[in-house]
PDB file of N, CA and C in Angstrom:
ATOM      1  N   MET A   1      12.446   2.978 -18.118  1.00  0.00           N
ATOM      2  CA  MET A   1      11.170   2.175 -16.456  1.00  0.00           C
ATOM      3  C   MET A   1      11.212   3.363 -15.558  1.00  0.00           C
ATOM      4  N   SER A   2      10.205   3.683 -15.467  1.00  0.00           N
ATOM      5  CA  SER A   2       8.998   4.993 -14.092  1.00  0.00           C
ATOM      6  C   SER A   2       9.101   3.961 -13.457  1.00  0.00           C
ATOM      7  N   GLU A   3       9.217   4.898 -12.461  1.00  0.00           N
ATOM      8  CA  GLU A   3       9.646   5.161 -10.740  1.00  0.00           C
ATOM      9  C   GLU A   3       8.070   5.231  -9.835  1.00  0.00           C
ATOM     10  N   PHE A   4       7.824   3.373  -9.606  1.00  0.00           N
ATOM     11  CA  PHE A   4       7.055   3.231  -8.574  1.00  0.00           C
ATOM     12  C   PHE A   4       6.732   5.002  -7.520  1.00  0.00           C
ATOM     13  N   GLU A   5       6.095   5.540  -7.567  1.00  0.00           N
ATOM     14  CA  GLU A   5       5.313   6.982  -6.518  1.00  0.00           C
ATOM     15  C   GLU A   5       4.830   6.341  -5.262  1.00  0.00           C
ATOM     16  N   VAL A   6       4.932   5.918  -4.546  1.00  0.00           N
ATOM     17  CA  VAL A   6       4.259   5.707  -2.955  1.00  0.00           C
ATOM     18  C   VAL A   6       3.247   6.879  -2.742  1.00  0.00           C
ATOM     19  N   LEU A   7       1.763   7.093  -2.788  1.00  0.00           N
ATOM     20  CA  LEU A   7       1.249   7.549  -2.187  1.00  0.00           C
ATOM     21  C   LEU A   7       0.651   8.145  -0.918  1.00  0.00           C
ATOM     22  N   ASP A   8       0.120   6.864  -0.627  1.00  0.00           N
ATOM     23  CA  ASP A   8       0.119   6.563   0.508  1.00  0.00           C
ATOM     24  C   ASP A   8       0.285   5.376   1.002  1.00  0.00           C
ATOM     25  N   SER A   9      -0.109   4.711   2.635  1.00  0.00           N
ATOM     26  CA  SER A   9      -0.290   3.166   2.775  1.00  0.00           C
ATOM     27  C   SER A   9      -0.947   2.941   3.643  1.00  0.00           C
ATOM     28  N   ILE A  10      -1.322   1.685   4.097  1.00  0.00           N
ATOM     29  CA  ILE A  10      -1.990   1.159   5.401  1.00  0.00           C
ATOM     30  C   ILE A  10      -2.298   0.084   5.919  1.00  0.00           C
ATOM     31  N   TRP A  11      -1.919  -0.370   6.984  1.00  0.00           N
ATOM     32  CA  TRP A  11      -1.503  -1.300   7.783  1.00  0.00           C
ATOM     33  C   TRP A  11      -2.392  -2.333   9.201  1.00  0.00           C
ATOM     34  N   PHE A  12      -2.222  -3.513   9.031  1.00  0.00           N
ATOM     35  CA  PHE A  12      -2.840  -3.987   9.690  1.00  0.00           C
ATOM     36  C   PHE A  12      -2.349  -5.031  10.145  1.00  0.00           C
ATOM     37  N   SER A  13      -2.442  -5.287  11.782  1.00  0.00           N
ATOM     38  CA  SER A  13      -0.944  -5.939  12.300  1.00  0.00           C
ATOM     39  C   SER A  13      -1.599  -7.450  12.981  1.00  0.00           C
ATOM     40  N   SER A  14      -0.544  -8.286  12.780  1.00  0.00           N
ATOM     41  CA  SER A  14      -1.545  -9.571  13.273  1.00  0.00           C
ATOM     42  C   SER A  14      -0.016  -9.889  14.207  1.00  0.00           C
ATOM     43  N   VAL A  15      -0.435 -11.302  14.719  1.00  0.00           N
ATOM     44  CA  VAL A  15       0.777 -12.011  15.766  1.00  0.00           C
ATOM     45  C   VAL A  15       1.939 -11.705  15.217  1.00  0.00           C
ATOM     46  N   ASN A  16       2.105 -12.654  13.868  1.00  0.00           N
ATOM     47  CA  ASN A  16       3.850 -12.686  13.990  1.00  0.00           C
ATOM     48  C   ASN A  16       4.199 -11.487  12.316  1.00  0.00           C
ATOM     49  N   SER A  17       3.332 -10.940  11.756  1.00  0.00           N
ATOM     50  CA  SER A  17       3.550 -10.046  11.164  1.00  0.00           C
ATOM     51  C   SER A  17       2.694  -8.241  10.659  1.00  0.00           C
ATOM     52  N   TYR A  18       2.514  -8.121   9.417  1.00  0.00           N
ATOM     53  CA  TYR A  18       1.774  -7.183   9.143  1.00  0.00           C
ATOM     54  C   TYR A  18       1.531  -7.548   7.617  1.00  0.00           C
ATOM     55  N   ILE A  19       0.198  -6.725   7.047  1.00  0.00           N
ATOM     56  CA  ILE A  19      -0.099  -6.780   6.138  1.00  0.00           C
ATOM     57  C   ILE A  19       0.219  -4.967   5.674  1.00  0.00           C
ATOM     58  N   GLY A  20       0.775  -4.841   4.992  1.00  0.00           N
ATOM     59  CA  GLY A  20      -0.137  -3.305   3.995  1.00  0.00           C
ATOM     60  C   GLY A  20      -0.382  -3.074   2.554  1.00  0.00           C
ATOM     61  N   ILE A  21      -1.456  -2.459   2.617  1.00  0.00           N
ATOM     62  CA  ILE A  21      -1.339  -1.899   1.649  1.00  0.00           C
ATOM     63  C   ILE A  21      -0.942  -0.838   1.047  1.00  0.00           C
ATOM     64  N   VAL A  22      -0.303  -0.686  -0.273  1.00  0.00           N
ATOM     65  CA  VAL A  22       0.200   1.208  -0.305  1.00  0.00           C
ATOM     66  C   VAL A  22      -0.443   1.314  -1.849  1.00  0.00           C
ATOM     67  N   ILE A  23      -0.871   2.548  -1.925  1.00  0.00           N
ATOM     68  CA  ILE A  23      -1.501   3.001  -3.294  1.00  0.00           C
ATOM     69  C   ILE A  23       0.226   3.768  -3.925  1.00  0.00           C
ATOM     70  N   GLY A  24       0.047   3.699  -5.253  1.00  0.00           N
ATOM     71  CA  GLY A  24       0.831   4.751  -6.052  1.00  0.00           C
ATOM     72  C   GLY A  24       0.451   5.186  -6.814  1.00  0.00           C
ATOM     73  N   GLU A  25       1.504   5.844  -7.782  1.00  0.00           N
ATOM     74  CA  GLU A  25       1.669   6.026  -9.333  1.00  0.00           C
ATOM     75  C   GLU A  25       2.622   5.285  -9.967  1.00  0.00           C
ATOM     76  N   ILE A  26       2.795   4.856 -11.282  1.00  0.00           N
ATOM     77  CA  ILE A  26       3.700   4.662 -12.098  1.00  0.00           C
ATOM     78  C   ILE A  26       3.179   5.846 -13.242  1.00  0.00           C
ATOM     79  N   ALA A  27       3.591   5.885 -13.982  1.00  0.00           N
ATOM     80  CA  ALA A  27       3.764   6.541 -15.527  1.00  0.00           C
ATOM     81  C   ALA A  27       2.476   6.882 -15.767  1.00  0.00           C
ATOM     82  N   GLY A  28       1.842   7.851 -14.697  1.00  0.00           N
ATOM     83  CA  GLY A  28       0.253   8.256 -14.906  1.00  0.00           C
ATOM     84  C   GLY A  28      -0.153   7.402 -14.127  1.00  0.00           C
ATOM     85  N   GLU A  29      -0.198   6.782 -13.898  1.00  0.00           N
ATOM     86  CA  GLU A  29      -1.381   5.225 -13.722  1.00  0.00           C
ATOM     87  C   GLU A  29      -1.824   4.821 -12.166  1.00  0.00           C
ATOM     88  N   ARG A  30      -2.478   5.056 -10.889  1.00  0.00           N
ATOM     89  CA  ARG A  30      -2.519   4.924 -10.183  1.00  0.00           C
ATOM     90  C   ARG A  30      -2.769   3.496  -9.848  1.00  0.00           C
ATOM     91  N   LYS A  31      -2.200   2.373  -8.711  1.00  0.00           N
ATOM     92  CA  LYS A  31      -1.920   1.661  -8.361  1.00  0.00           C
ATOM     93  C   LYS A  31      -2.274   0.628  -7.189  1.00  0.00           C
ATOM     94  N   ALA A  32      -2.024  -0.274  -6.880  1.00  0.00           N
ATOM     95  CA  ALA A  32      -2.701  -0.702  -5.564  1.00  0.00           C
ATOM     96  C   ALA A  32      -1.808  -1.612  -5.152  1.00  0.00           C
ATOM     97  N   TYR A  33      -1.240  -2.479  -4.083  1.00  0.00           N
ATOM     98  CA  TYR A  33      -0.569  -3.782  -3.751  1.00  0.00           C
ATOM     99  C   TYR A  33      -0.577  -3.712  -2.452  1.00  0.00           C
ATOM    100  N   ILE A  34      -1.404  -5.357  -2.165  1.00  0.00           N
ATOM    101  CA  ILE A  34      -1.117  -5.981  -0.752  1.00  0.00           C
ATOM    102  C   ILE A  34      -0.324  -6.533  -0.560  1.00  0.00           C
ATOM    103  N   LYS A  35       0.845  -6.976   0.531  1.00  0.00           N
ATOM    104  CA  LYS A  35       1.143  -8.116   0.710  1.00  0.00           C
ATOM    105  C   LYS A  35       1.587  -8.330   2.096  1.00  0.00           C
ATOM    106  N   SER A  36       2.374  -9.269   2.569  1.00  0.00           N
ATOM    107  CA  SER A  36       2.330  -9.088   4.101  1.00  0.00           C
ATOM    108  C   SER A  36       3.953  -9.494   4.550  1.00  0.00           C
ATOM    109  N   VAL A  37       4.409  -8.420   5.316  1.00  0.00           N
ATOM    110  CA  VAL A  37       5.591  -8.261   5.856  1.00  0.00           C
ATOM    111  C   VAL A  37       5.980  -8.149   6.989  1.00  0.00           C
ATOM    112  N   LYS A  38       7.304  -8.253   7.269  1.00  0.00           N
ATOM    113  CA  LYS A  38       7.809  -8.572   8.634  1.00  0.00           C
ATOM    114  C   LYS A  38       7.712  -7.363   9.894  1.00  0.00           C
ATOM    115  N   GLY A  39       7.482  -5.970   9.027  1.00  0.00           N
ATOM    116  CA  GLY A  39       7.269  -4.729   9.871  1.00  0.00           C
ATOM    117  C   GLY A  39       8.591  -4.227  10.944  1.00  0.00           C
ATOM    118  N   ARG A  40      10.003  -4.460  10.326  1.00  0.00           N
ATOM    119  CA  ARG A  40      10.324  -4.334  11.001  1.00  0.00           C
ATOM    120  C   ARG A  40      11.666  -2.455  10.604  1.00  0.00           C
ATOM    121  N   ASN A  41      11.562  -1.792   9.179  1.00  0.00           N
ATOM    122  CA  ASN A  41      11.288  -0.876   9.124  1.00  0.00           C
ATOM    123  C   ASN A  41      10.113  -0.271   8.159  1.00  0.00           C
ATOM    124  N   LEU A  42       9.458   0.533   7.998  1.00  0.00           N
ATOM    125  CA  LEU A  42       8.480   1.482   6.942  1.00  0.00           C
ATOM    126  C   LEU A  42       8.974   1.105   5.729  1.00  0.00           C
ATOM    127  N   GLU A  43      10.155   1.946   5.527  1.00  0.00           N
ATOM    128  CA  GLU A  43      10.645   2.234   4.135  1.00  0.00           C
ATOM    129  C   GLU A  43      10.606   0.717   3.226  1.00  0.00           C
ATOM    130  N   ASP A  44      11.518  -0.216   4.102  1.00  0.00           N
ATOM    131  CA  ASP A  44      11.526  -1.262   2.992  1.00  0.00           C
ATOM    132  C   ASP A  44      10.521  -2.139   3.046  1.00  0.00           C
ATOM    133  N   ASP A  45       9.510  -2.242   4.377  1.00  0.00           N
ATOM    134  CA  ASP A  45       7.896  -2.833   3.447  1.00  0.00           C
ATOM    135  C   ASP A  45       7.529  -2.484   2.849  1.00  0.00           C
ATOM    136  N   ILE A  46       7.449  -0.659   2.763  1.00  0.00           N
ATOM    137  CA  ILE A  46       6.900  -0.364   1.405  1.00  0.00           C
ATOM    138  C   ILE A  46       7.565  -0.508   0.033  1.00  0.00           C
ATOM    139  N   CYS A  47       9.027  -0.600  -0.114  1.00  0.00           N
ATOM    140  CA  CYS A  47       9.358  -0.824  -1.184  1.00  0.00           C
ATOM    141  C   CYS A  47       9.387  -2.613  -1.508  1.00  0.00           C
ATOM    142  N   ASP A  48       9.331  -2.997  -0.303  1.00  0.00           N
ATOM    143  CA  ASP A  48       9.087  -4.711  -0.806  1.00  0.00           C
ATOM    144  C   ASP A  48       7.296  -5.101  -0.840  1.00  0.00           C
ATOM    145  N   ILE A  49       6.230  -4.298  -0.710  1.00  0.00           N
ATOM    146  CA  ILE A  49       4.947  -4.044  -1.045  1.00  0.00           C
ATOM    147  C   ILE A  49       4.777  -3.659  -2.503  1.00  0.00           C
ATOM    148  N   ALA A  50       5.122  -2.728  -3.129  1.00  0.00           N
ATOM    149  CA  ALA A  50       5.228  -1.487  -4.384  1.00  0.00           C
ATOM    150  C   ALA A  50       6.331  -2.837  -5.075  1.00  0.00           C
ATOM    151  N   THR A  51       7.096  -3.429  -4.621  1.00  0.00           N
ATOM    152  CA  THR A  51       8.105  -4.450  -5.784  1.00  0.00           C
ATOM    153  C   THR A  51       7.413  -5.897  -5.532  1.00  0.00           C
ATOM    154  N   TRP A  52       7.276  -5.999  -4.918  1.00  0.00           N
ATOM    155  CA  TRP A  52       6.373  -8.079  -4.591  1.00  0.00           C
ATOM    156  C   TRP A  52       5.287  -8.168  -4.877  1.00  0.00           C
ATOM    157  N   GLY A  53       4.424  -7.060  -4.503  1.00  0.00           N
ATOM    158  CA  GLY A  53       3.095  -7.362  -3.923  1.00  0.00           C
ATOM    159  C   GLY A  53       2.532  -7.434  -5.077  1.00  0.00           C
ATOM    160  N   ALA A  54       0.745  -8.437  -4.270  1.00  0.00           N
ATOM    161  CA  ALA A  54       0.318  -8.743  -4.886  1.00  0.00           C
ATOM    162  C   ALA A  54      -1.114  -7.667  -5.708  1.00  0.00           C
ATOM    163  N   PRO A  55      -1.260  -7.085  -7.263  1.00  0.00           N
ATOM    164  CA  PRO A  55      -2.751  -6.555  -7.534  1.00  0.00           C
ATOM    165  C   PRO A  55      -3.392  -6.654  -5.993  1.00  0.00           C
ATOM    166  N   PHE A  56      -4.263  -5.334  -6.061  1.00  0.00           N
ATOM    167  CA  PHE A  56      -5.225  -5.187  -4.850  1.00  0.00           C
ATOM    168  C   PHE A  56      -5.740  -4.057  -6.040  1.00  0.00           C
ATOM    169  N   PRO A  57      -7.167  -4.500  -5.921  1.00  0.00           N
ATOM    170  CA  PRO A  57      -8.368  -3.708  -6.256  1.00  0.00           C
ATOM    171  C   PRO A  57      -8.378  -2.193  -6.332  1.00  0.00           C
ATOM    172  N   LEU A  58      -7.891  -1.160  -6.653  1.00  0.00           N
ATOM    173  CA  LEU A  58      -7.675   0.552  -6.277  1.00  0.00           C
ATOM    174  C   LEU A  58      -8.821   1.322  -5.591  1.00  0.00           C
ATOM    175  N   GLU A  59     -10.326   0.321  -6.216  1.00  0.00           N
ATOM    176  CA  GLU A  59     -11.484   0.961  -5.857  1.00  0.00           C
ATOM    177  C   GLU A  59     -11.664   0.480  -4.215  1.00  0.00           C
ATOM    178  N   ALA A  60     -10.588  -1.108  -3.762  1.00  0.00           N
ATOM    179  CA  ALA A  60     -11.506  -1.453  -3.100  1.00  0.00           C
ATOM    180  C   ALA A  60     -10.412  -1.113  -1.717  1.00  0.00           C
ATOM    181  N   ALA A  61      -8.642  -0.100  -2.522  1.00  0.00           N
ATOM    182  CA  ALA A  61      -7.977   0.563  -2.157  1.00  0.00           C
ATOM    183  C   ALA A  61      -8.212   1.633  -1.293  1.00  0.00           C
ATOM    184  N   TYR A  62      -9.081   2.471  -1.843  1.00  0.00           N
ATOM    185  CA  TYR A  62      -9.799   3.615  -2.058  1.00  0.00           C
ATOM    186  C   TYR A  62     -10.951   3.185  -1.006  1.00  0.00           C
ATOM    187  N   GLU A  63     -11.837   2.297  -0.632  1.00  0.00           N
ATOM    188  CA  GLU A  63     -12.594   2.295   0.299  1.00  0.00           C
ATOM    189  C   GLU A  63     -12.504   1.893   1.925  1.00  0.00           C
ATOM    190  N   LEU A  64     -10.913   1.370   1.520  1.00  0.00           N
ATOM    191  CA  LEU A  64     -10.729   1.349   2.997  1.00  0.00           C
ATOM    192  C   LEU A  64      -9.349   2.272   3.554  1.00  0.00           C
ATOM    193  N   PHE A  65      -8.908   2.722   2.577  1.00  0.00           N
ATOM    194  CA  PHE A  65      -8.426   4.235   3.027  1.00  0.00           C
ATOM    195  C   PHE A  65      -9.531   4.844   4.085  1.00  0.00           C
ATOM    196  N   LYS A  66     -10.646   5.499   3.325  1.00  0.00           N
ATOM    197  CA  LYS A  66     -11.540   6.486   3.104  1.00  0.00           C
ATOM    198  C   LYS A  66     -12.296   6.306   5.192  1.00  0.00           C
ATOM    199  N   TYR A  67     -12.231   4.588   4.998  1.00  0.00           N
ATOM    200  CA  TYR A  67     -12.561   4.458   6.155  1.00  0.00           C
ATOM    201  C   TYR A  67     -12.218   4.453   7.371  1.00  0.00           C
ATOM    202  N   LEU A  68     -10.438   3.535   7.102  1.00  0.00           N
ATOM    203  CA  LEU A  68      -9.539   3.623   7.871  1.00  0.00           C
ATOM    204  C   LEU A  68      -8.660   5.301   8.459  1.00  0.00           C
ATOM    205  N   LYS A  69      -9.296   5.691   7.435  1.00  0.00           N
ATOM    206  CA  LYS A  69      -8.012   7.003   7.358  1.00  0.00           C
ATOM    207  C   LYS A  69      -8.942   8.484   6.610  1.00  0.00           C
ATOM    208  N   PRO A  70      -9.811   8.817   7.974  1.00  0.00           N
ATOM    209  CA  PRO A  70     -11.708   9.564   6.716  1.00  0.00           C
ATOM    210  C   PRO A  70     -11.276  11.002   6.905  1.00  0.00           C
ATOM    211  N   ASP A  71      -9.795  11.401   7.505  1.00  0.00           N
ATOM    212  CA  ASP A  71      -9.977  13.192   7.788  1.00  0.00           C
ATOM    213  C   ASP A  71      -8.636  13.122   6.121  1.00  0.00           C
ATOM    214  N   GLN A  72      -8.400  12.277   6.049  1.00  0.00           N
ATOM    215  CA  GLN A  72      -7.169  12.241   4.290  1.00  0.00           C
ATOM    216  C   GLN A  72      -8.503  12.357   3.485  1.00  0.00           C
ATOM    217  N   ASN A  73      -7.657  12.962   1.806  1.00  0.00           N
ATOM    218  CA  ASN A  73      -8.698  13.108   0.705  1.00  0.00           C
ATOM    219  C   ASN A  73      -7.701  12.355   0.102  1.00  0.00           C
ATOM    220  N   GLN A  74      -8.586  11.153  -0.759  1.00  0.00           N
ATOM    221  CA  GLN A  74      -7.757  10.313  -2.044  1.00  0.00           C
ATOM    222  C   GLN A  74      -7.737  11.264  -3.661  1.00  0.00           C
TER     223      GLN A  74
END
């Protein structure tokens, strides 16, 4: 089984948690996932999102990344 390679992430915060969107690649295919996490450890949270997150539309993720991280090219 191929491993999910994380390419980038963005974060939104609330009073009790963080919402992360992770873009990554597995078996040559890019995918995006979204999930609410505790925000205690970045690596653990990214792993949690990649493993248990809900699929998120890749094009929508790219649009958010383009808006929130304008200095980065996808």
